[in-house]
Amino acid sequence: MPKRVLTGLVVSDKGEKTVVVNVERKVKHPLYGKIIRRSKKYHAHDEGNEYKAGETVRIEETAPISKLKTWKVVGRVNTHVAPERVDVDA
């Protein structure tokens, strides 16, 4: 069975070798049809304590590491890249 991979925002890096990642998803309300945001926090393993609060990271499901940790951080998602400039001859 493939491992689940989620993308979220690091909200806490206070624990030793642990980060808390907030993953947000959008779902449609069953009756009213409005798109609403649902979020969940996951405790993820960060071996080198290299990820800080505010970074967007990708986490992957693993075998249980501790009582709360069943995810590990795979890497950063580069969200602050400037788009390439396109010159249009008018």
N, C-alpha and C. Protein backbone atom coordinates (compact mmCIF):
# COMPACT_ATOMS: atom_id res chain seq x y z
N MET A 1 0.84 -1.17 0.00
CA MET A 1 0.00 0.00 0.00
C MET A 1 0.89 1.25 0.00
N PRO A 2 0.60 2.23 -0.86
CA PRO A 2 1.46 3.41 -0.92
C PRO A 2 1.33 4.28 0.33
N LYS A 3 2.43 4.98 0.63
CA LYS A 3 2.43 5.87 1.78
C LYS A 3 1.75 7.18 1.41
N ARG A 4 0.97 7.72 2.34
CA ARG A 4 0.31 9.00 2.10
C ARG A 4 1.33 10.12 2.25
N VAL A 5 1.24 11.11 1.38
CA VAL A 5 2.10 12.28 1.45
C VAL A 5 1.20 13.51 1.50
N LEU A 6 1.41 14.36 2.51
CA LEU A 6 0.61 15.56 2.69
C LEU A 6 1.52 16.79 2.72
N THR A 7 0.96 17.94 2.40
CA THR A 7 1.71 19.20 2.43
C THR A 7 1.06 20.13 3.44
N GLY A 8 1.87 20.75 4.28
CA GLY A 8 1.32 21.63 5.29
C GLY A 8 2.33 22.63 5.81
N LEU A 9 1.88 23.44 6.75
CA LEU A 9 2.67 24.52 7.32
C LEU A 9 3.15 24.13 8.72
N VAL A 10 4.45 24.31 8.98
CA VAL A 10 4.99 24.02 10.31
C VAL A 10 4.50 25.11 11.26
N VAL A 11 3.76 24.71 12.31
CA VAL A 11 3.24 25.67 13.27
C VAL A 11 4.03 25.65 14.57
N SER A 12 4.79 24.59 14.83
CA SER A 12 5.60 24.52 16.04
C SER A 12 6.82 23.65 15.80
N ASP A 13 7.97 24.12 16.32
CA ASP A 13 9.19 23.32 16.25
C ASP A 13 9.84 23.23 17.62
N LYS A 14 9.01 23.30 18.67
CA LYS A 14 9.52 23.34 20.04
C LYS A 14 10.05 21.98 20.51
N GLY A 15 9.47 20.89 20.03
CA GLY A 15 9.89 19.57 20.51
C GLY A 15 11.22 19.15 19.91
N GLU A 16 11.91 18.27 20.63
CA GLU A 16 13.19 17.73 20.14
C GLU A 16 12.92 16.71 19.04
N LYS A 17 13.44 16.98 17.84
CA LYS A 17 13.27 16.11 16.67
C LYS A 17 11.81 15.96 16.26
N THR A 18 10.98 16.96 16.59
CA THR A 18 9.56 16.90 16.25
C THR A 18 9.08 18.27 15.78
N VAL A 19 8.26 18.26 14.74
CA VAL A 19 7.57 19.48 14.31
C VAL A 19 6.08 19.17 14.24
N VAL A 20 5.27 20.21 14.44
CA VAL A 20 3.82 20.07 14.31
C VAL A 20 3.44 20.75 13.00
N VAL A 21 2.78 19.99 12.12
CA VAL A 21 2.44 20.47 10.78
C VAL A 21 0.93 20.58 10.67
N ASN A 22 0.45 21.75 10.26
CA ASN A 22 -0.98 21.99 10.07
C ASN A 22 -1.30 21.74 8.59
N VAL A 23 -2.13 20.74 8.32
CA VAL A 23 -2.51 20.40 6.95
C VAL A 23 -3.95 20.86 6.73
N GLU A 24 -4.15 21.64 5.69
CA GLU A 24 -5.48 22.20 5.41
C GLU A 24 -6.04 21.56 4.14
N ARG A 25 -7.32 21.23 4.18
CA ARG A 25 -7.97 20.69 2.99
C ARG A 25 -9.30 21.41 2.81
N LYS A 26 -9.79 21.40 1.60
CA LYS A 26 -11.06 22.06 1.30
C LYS A 26 -12.10 21.00 0.96
N VAL A 27 -13.25 21.10 1.61
CA VAL A 27 -14.34 20.15 1.36
C VAL A 27 -15.62 20.92 1.07
N LYS A 28 -16.49 20.28 0.36
CA LYS A 28 -17.78 20.88 0.03
C LYS A 28 -18.79 20.50 1.11
N HIS A 29 -19.53 21.48 1.63
CA HIS A 29 -20.54 21.21 2.64
C HIS A 29 -21.61 20.31 2.03
N PRO A 30 -22.00 19.24 2.73
CA PRO A 30 -22.93 18.28 2.13
C PRO A 30 -24.30 18.84 1.77
N LEU A 31 -24.79 19.81 2.54
CA LEU A 31 -26.11 20.35 2.28
C LEU A 31 -26.07 21.65 1.49
N TYR A 32 -25.23 22.58 1.93
CA TYR A 32 -25.25 23.92 1.34
C TYR A 32 -24.29 24.10 0.17
N GLY A 33 -23.35 23.20 0.00
CA GLY A 33 -22.48 23.26 -1.17
C GLY A 33 -21.33 24.25 -1.07
N LYS A 34 -21.24 24.98 0.03
CA LYS A 34 -20.15 25.95 0.19
C LYS A 34 -18.85 25.20 0.44
N ILE A 35 -17.76 25.69 -0.15
CA ILE A 35 -16.45 25.11 0.06
C ILE A 35 -15.92 25.65 1.39
N ILE A 36 -15.61 24.74 2.33
CA ILE A 36 -15.10 25.14 3.63
C ILE A 36 -13.73 24.52 3.87
N ARG A 37 -12.93 25.16 4.72
CA ARG A 37 -11.59 24.68 5.02
C ARG A 37 -11.61 23.84 6.28
N ARG A 38 -10.99 22.69 6.22
CA ARG A 38 -10.82 21.82 7.37
C ARG A 38 -9.31 21.66 7.58
N SER A 39 -8.87 21.72 8.83
CA SER A 39 -7.45 21.58 9.09
C SER A 39 -7.22 20.55 10.19
N LYS A 40 -6.04 19.94 10.16
CA LYS A 40 -5.65 18.96 11.16
C LYS A 40 -4.16 19.10 11.39
N LYS A 41 -3.75 18.92 12.64
CA LYS A 41 -2.33 19.03 12.99
C LYS A 41 -1.74 17.63 13.12
N TYR A 42 -0.57 17.45 12.53
CA TYR A 42 0.15 16.19 12.60
C TYR A 42 1.51 16.42 13.25
N HIS A 43 1.91 15.53 14.15
CA HIS A 43 3.25 15.56 14.72
C HIS A 43 4.14 14.74 13.77
N ALA A 44 5.23 15.36 13.31
CA ALA A 44 6.09 14.70 12.33
C ALA A 44 7.52 14.66 12.85
N HIS A 45 8.24 13.62 12.47
CA HIS A 45 9.63 13.42 12.89
C HIS A 45 10.56 14.27 12.03
N ASP A 46 11.42 15.04 12.70
CA ASP A 46 12.39 15.91 12.05
C ASP A 46 13.76 15.56 12.64
N GLU A 47 14.47 14.67 12.00
CA GLU A 47 15.69 14.11 12.57
C GLU A 47 16.75 15.15 12.93
N GLY A 48 16.96 16.13 12.06
CA GLY A 48 18.04 17.08 12.30
C GLY A 48 17.60 18.41 12.89
N ASN A 49 16.37 18.53 13.32
CA ASN A 49 15.83 19.81 13.82
C ASN A 49 16.07 20.95 12.83
N GLU A 50 15.87 20.68 11.55
CA GLU A 50 16.20 21.68 10.53
C GLU A 50 15.02 22.50 10.04
N TYR A 51 13.80 22.13 10.39
CA TYR A 51 12.62 22.85 9.90
C TYR A 51 12.11 23.77 10.99
N LYS A 52 11.78 24.99 10.60
CA LYS A 52 11.35 26.02 11.55
C LYS A 52 9.89 26.38 11.30
N ALA A 53 9.28 27.03 12.29
CA ALA A 53 7.88 27.45 12.20
C ALA A 53 7.72 28.42 11.04
N GLY A 54 6.64 28.25 10.27
CA GLY A 54 6.37 29.12 9.14
C GLY A 54 6.75 28.52 7.80
N GLU A 55 7.52 27.45 7.79
CA GLU A 55 7.93 26.82 6.53
C GLU A 55 6.85 25.86 6.05
N THR A 56 6.73 25.73 4.74
CA THR A 56 5.83 24.76 4.15
C THR A 56 6.63 23.50 3.87
N VAL A 57 6.14 22.36 4.38
CA VAL A 57 6.87 21.10 4.23
C VAL A 57 5.95 20.00 3.72
N ARG A 58 6.56 18.93 3.26
CA ARG A 58 5.84 17.74 2.82
C ARG A 58 6.13 16.64 3.83
N ILE A 59 5.07 15.96 4.31
CA ILE A 59 5.24 14.88 5.29
C ILE A 59 4.74 13.57 4.69
N GLU A 60 5.35 12.47 5.17
CA GLU A 60 5.03 11.14 4.66
C GLU A 60 4.69 10.22 5.82
N GLU A 61 3.70 9.38 5.61
CA GLU A 61 3.26 8.44 6.63
C GLU A 61 4.32 7.35 6.83
N THR A 62 4.58 6.99 8.10
CA THR A 62 5.55 5.95 8.42
C THR A 62 5.00 5.04 9.50
N ALA A 63 5.80 4.06 9.88
CA ALA A 63 5.44 3.23 11.04
C ALA A 63 5.50 4.11 12.28
N PRO A 64 4.72 3.79 13.31
CA PRO A 64 4.71 4.64 14.51
C PRO A 64 6.11 4.82 15.11
N ILE A 65 6.46 6.09 15.38
CA ILE A 65 7.74 6.42 15.98
C ILE A 65 7.56 6.63 17.49
N SER A 66 6.44 7.22 17.87
CA SER A 66 6.10 7.41 19.28
C SER A 66 4.58 7.43 19.39
N LYS A 67 4.08 7.84 20.55
CA LYS A 67 2.63 7.84 20.78
C LYS A 67 1.90 8.72 19.77
N LEU A 68 2.45 9.88 19.45
CA LEU A 68 1.79 10.82 18.55
C LEU A 68 2.38 10.86 17.14
N LYS A 69 3.62 10.43 16.99
CA LYS A 69 4.30 10.58 15.70
C LYS A 69 4.20 9.34 14.82
N THR A 70 3.49 9.48 13.71
CA THR A 70 3.46 8.43 12.69
C THR A 70 3.76 9.03 11.32
N TRP A 71 4.35 10.24 11.32
CA TRP A 71 4.70 10.93 10.07
C TRP A 71 6.15 11.39 10.17
N LYS A 72 6.82 11.52 9.02
CA LYS A 72 8.16 12.09 9.00
C LYS A 72 8.22 13.15 7.91
N VAL A 73 9.05 14.15 8.13
CA VAL A 73 9.18 15.25 7.17
C VAL A 73 10.06 14.78 6.02
N VAL A 74 9.54 14.95 4.78
CA VAL A 74 10.29 14.54 3.59
C VAL A 74 11.15 15.69 3.09
N GLY A 75 10.59 16.91 3.07
CA GLY A 75 11.38 18.04 2.59
C GLY A 75 10.55 19.31 2.54
N ARG A 76 11.24 20.40 2.21
CA ARG A 76 10.57 21.69 2.08
C ARG A 76 9.86 21.80 0.75
N VAL A 77 8.80 22.59 0.74
CA VAL A 77 8.13 22.95 -0.50
C VAL A 77 8.53 24.39 -0.77
N ASN A 78 9.17 24.62 -1.90
CA ASN A 78 9.69 25.94 -2.21
C ASN A 78 8.55 26.83 -2.67
N THR A 79 8.01 27.64 -1.74
CA THR A 79 6.86 28.48 -2.06
C THR A 79 7.25 29.92 -2.34
N HIS A 80 8.51 30.27 -2.11
CA HIS A 80 8.93 31.66 -2.27
C HIS A 80 9.79 31.87 -3.51
N VAL A 81 9.50 31.14 -4.56
CA VAL A 81 10.23 31.28 -5.81
C VAL A 81 9.53 32.32 -6.67
N ALA A 82 10.29 33.28 -7.14
CA ALA A 82 9.72 34.30 -8.01
C ALA A 82 9.47 33.70 -9.38
N PRO A 83 8.34 34.06 -10.02
CA PRO A 83 8.08 33.52 -11.35
C PRO A 83 9.09 34.06 -12.36
N GLU A 84 9.36 33.24 -13.36
CA GLU A 84 10.31 33.66 -14.40
C GLU A 84 9.72 34.81 -15.19
N ARG A 85 10.59 35.73 -15.57
CA ARG A 85 10.16 36.89 -16.32
C ARG A 85 10.04 36.53 -17.78
N VAL A 86 8.93 36.92 -18.37
CA VAL A 86 8.69 36.65 -19.79
C VAL A 86 8.60 38.00 -20.50
N ASP A 87 9.51 38.23 -21.44
CA ASP A 87 9.49 39.47 -22.21
C ASP A 87 8.61 39.29 -23.44
N VAL A 88 7.64 40.16 -23.56
CA VAL A 88 6.71 40.11 -24.69
C VAL A 88 7.00 41.31 -25.57
N ASP A 89 7.34 41.05 -26.83
CA ASP A 89 7.59 42.16 -27.78
C ASP A 89 6.25 42.66 -28.29
N ALA A 90 5.98 43.93 -27.99
CA ALA A 90 4.69 44.50 -28.38
C ALA A 90 4.79 45.28 -29.66
